[in-house]
């Protein structure tokens, strides 16, 4: 996708648009994003910067490394969210007026067991490869 950047007379970025700027308005330049390919689950994008000397202007995204500890924390949060969703679904069945739909305590207990097993495995992991194996 072509982007458009408006610069002032001192080459300060004023605006970035993903639609065409008004015809005849000065200071607009075409731009492109330069995004390095990320290693899934191991890298993320940081803030962007501009290379104003190139045409089209480049919007360059830098990367950062995701630590094993940060990834573990994220994975545990995701597992807790899955468990919470099961609990909420079962709670909804408990207050539902439909007698054909009933709360199943074993569903919640199974989800709790799955949560404990998964979080224990995540906490025991020491490398990204070990965490990948848990996906």
Protein backbone atom coordinates (compact mmCIF):
# COMPACT_ATOMS: atom_id res chain seq x y z
CA UNK A 1 0.00 0.00 0.00
CA UNK A 2 1.31 3.40 -0.90
CA UNK A 3 1.38 5.90 1.90
CA UNK A 4 1.78 9.65 1.70
CA UNK A 5 3.81 11.83 4.03
CA UNK A 6 3.58 15.58 4.36
CA UNK A 7 6.81 17.37 5.30
CA UNK A 8 7.27 20.95 6.34
CA UNK A 9 10.07 23.16 5.03
CA UNK A 10 12.45 21.77 7.68
CA UNK A 11 11.72 18.13 6.75
CA UNK A 12 9.61 17.50 9.83
CA UNK A 13 6.90 14.89 9.33
CA UNK A 14 3.53 16.58 9.73
CA UNK A 15 1.11 13.88 8.55
CA UNK A 16 1.02 10.33 7.24
CA UNK A 17 -1.98 9.28 5.16
CA UNK A 18 -3.02 6.03 3.54
CA UNK A 19 -5.27 7.91 1.12
CA UNK A 20 -4.27 10.35 -1.59
CA UNK A 21 -3.64 13.85 -0.28
CA UNK A 22 -5.45 16.85 -1.74
CA UNK A 23 -4.28 17.65 -5.27
CA UNK A 24 -2.02 20.64 -5.53
CA UNK A 25 -1.18 20.78 -1.81
CA UNK A 26 2.58 21.18 -1.38
CA UNK A 27 4.84 19.06 0.82
CA UNK A 28 3.42 15.60 0.10
CA UNK A 29 5.66 12.65 -0.81
CA UNK A 30 5.00 8.98 -1.50
CA UNK A 31 6.15 6.59 1.20
CA UNK A 32 6.47 2.87 1.79
CA UNK A 33 6.74 0.79 4.94
CA UNK A 34 9.84 -1.32 5.47
CA UNK A 35 8.96 -4.11 7.89
CA UNK A 36 11.53 -6.82 8.54
CA UNK A 37 10.12 -10.33 8.69
CA UNK A 38 9.58 -11.28 12.32
CA UNK A 39 10.50 -14.60 13.87
CA UNK A 40 7.06 -15.65 15.16
CA UNK A 41 6.68 -15.52 18.95
CA UNK A 42 10.29 -14.35 19.32
CA UNK A 43 10.31 -10.83 17.92
CA UNK A 44 8.03 -7.81 17.78
CA UNK A 45 8.03 -4.39 16.15
CA UNK A 46 9.17 -1.28 17.96
CA UNK A 47 8.30 2.28 17.03
CA UNK A 48 8.97 3.35 13.48
CA UNK A 49 11.38 5.90 12.08
CA UNK A 50 11.57 7.72 8.76
CA UNK A 51 14.31 7.78 6.12
CA UNK A 52 13.52 11.15 4.58
CA UNK A 53 16.48 10.99 2.18
CA UNK A 54 14.93 8.19 0.12
CA UNK A 55 12.15 8.47 -2.43
CA UNK A 56 9.70 7.09 -1.81
CA UNK A 57 10.26 7.98 1.84
CA UNK A 58 10.75 4.86 3.92
CA UNK A 59 8.88 4.24 7.15
CA UNK A 60 11.21 1.77 8.82
CA UNK A 61 10.05 -0.54 11.59
CA UNK A 62 12.72 -1.86 13.93
CA UNK A 63 12.39 -5.08 15.89
CA UNK A 64 12.96 -6.23 19.43
CA UNK A 65 13.57 -9.65 20.90
CA UNK A 66 10.84 -11.16 23.08
CA UNK A 67 12.41 -12.74 26.14
CA UNK A 68 11.49 -16.25 27.20
CA UNK A 69 10.12 -14.85 30.47
CA UNK A 70 7.90 -12.30 28.70
CA UNK A 71 6.64 -14.98 26.35
CA UNK A 72 5.90 -17.32 29.26
CA UNK A 73 3.92 -14.59 30.99
CA UNK A 74 1.90 -13.96 27.83
CA UNK A 75 1.21 -17.66 27.30
CA UNK A 76 0.06 -18.10 30.91
CA UNK A 77 -2.27 -15.11 30.53
CA UNK A 78 -3.74 -16.68 27.40
CA UNK A 79 -4.32 -19.97 29.20
CA UNK A 80 -6.03 -18.18 32.09
CA UNK A 81 -8.27 -16.38 29.61
CA UNK A 82 -9.28 -19.70 28.04
CA UNK A 83 -10.17 -21.05 31.48
CA UNK A 84 -12.13 -17.92 32.35
CA UNK A 85 -14.11 -18.26 29.13
CA UNK A 86 -15.11 -21.82 30.04
CA UNK A 87 -16.15 -20.72 33.53
CA UNK A 88 -18.23 -17.85 32.14
CA UNK A 89 -19.93 -20.13 29.61
CA UNK A 90 -20.81 -22.59 32.35
CA UNK A 91 -21.99 -19.82 34.68
CA UNK A 92 -24.29 -18.58 31.92
CA UNK A 93 -25.77 -22.07 31.67
CA UNK A 94 -26.42 -22.04 35.42
CA UNK A 95 -28.58 -18.92 35.20
CA UNK A 96 -30.12 -19.82 31.84
CA UNK A 97 -33.87 -20.50 31.91
CA UNK A 98 -33.52 -23.34 29.40
CA UNK A 99 -33.79 -26.64 31.31
CA UNK A 100 -32.08 -28.44 28.40
CA UNK A 101 -28.89 -26.50 29.11
CA UNK A 102 -27.34 -27.14 32.49
CA UNK A 103 -24.15 -26.19 34.25
CA UNK A 104 -21.61 -29.01 34.02
CA UNK A 105 -19.14 -28.92 36.94
CA UNK A 106 -16.95 -31.50 35.22
CA UNK A 107 -16.41 -29.12 32.29
CA UNK A 108 -15.03 -26.49 34.66
CA UNK A 109 -12.98 -29.05 36.56
CA UNK A 110 -11.51 -30.40 33.30
CA UNK A 111 -10.66 -26.86 32.20
CA UNK A 112 -9.02 -26.19 35.57
CA UNK A 113 -6.92 -29.35 35.26
CA UNK A 114 -5.92 -28.38 31.71
CA UNK A 115 -4.96 -24.90 32.95
CA UNK A 116 -2.79 -26.29 35.74
CA UNK A 117 -1.06 -28.77 33.43
CA UNK A 118 -0.40 -26.18 30.74
CA UNK A 119 0.80 -23.45 33.10
CA UNK A 120 3.11 -25.93 34.86
CA UNK A 121 4.62 -26.90 31.51
CA UNK A 122 4.99 -23.25 30.50
CA UNK A 123 6.64 -22.34 33.81
CA UNK A 124 9.09 -25.24 33.43
CA UNK A 125 10.19 -24.14 29.94
CA UNK A 126 13.54 -22.39 29.69
CA UNK A 127 13.84 -21.81 25.92
CA UNK A 128 11.73 -20.57 23.03
CA UNK A 129 11.96 -24.03 21.46
CA UNK A 130 10.40 -25.57 24.58
CA UNK A 131 7.63 -22.97 24.47
CA UNK A 132 7.08 -23.62 20.75
CA UNK A 133 6.51 -27.29 21.55
CA UNK A 134 3.63 -26.27 23.82
CA UNK A 135 1.72 -24.42 21.09
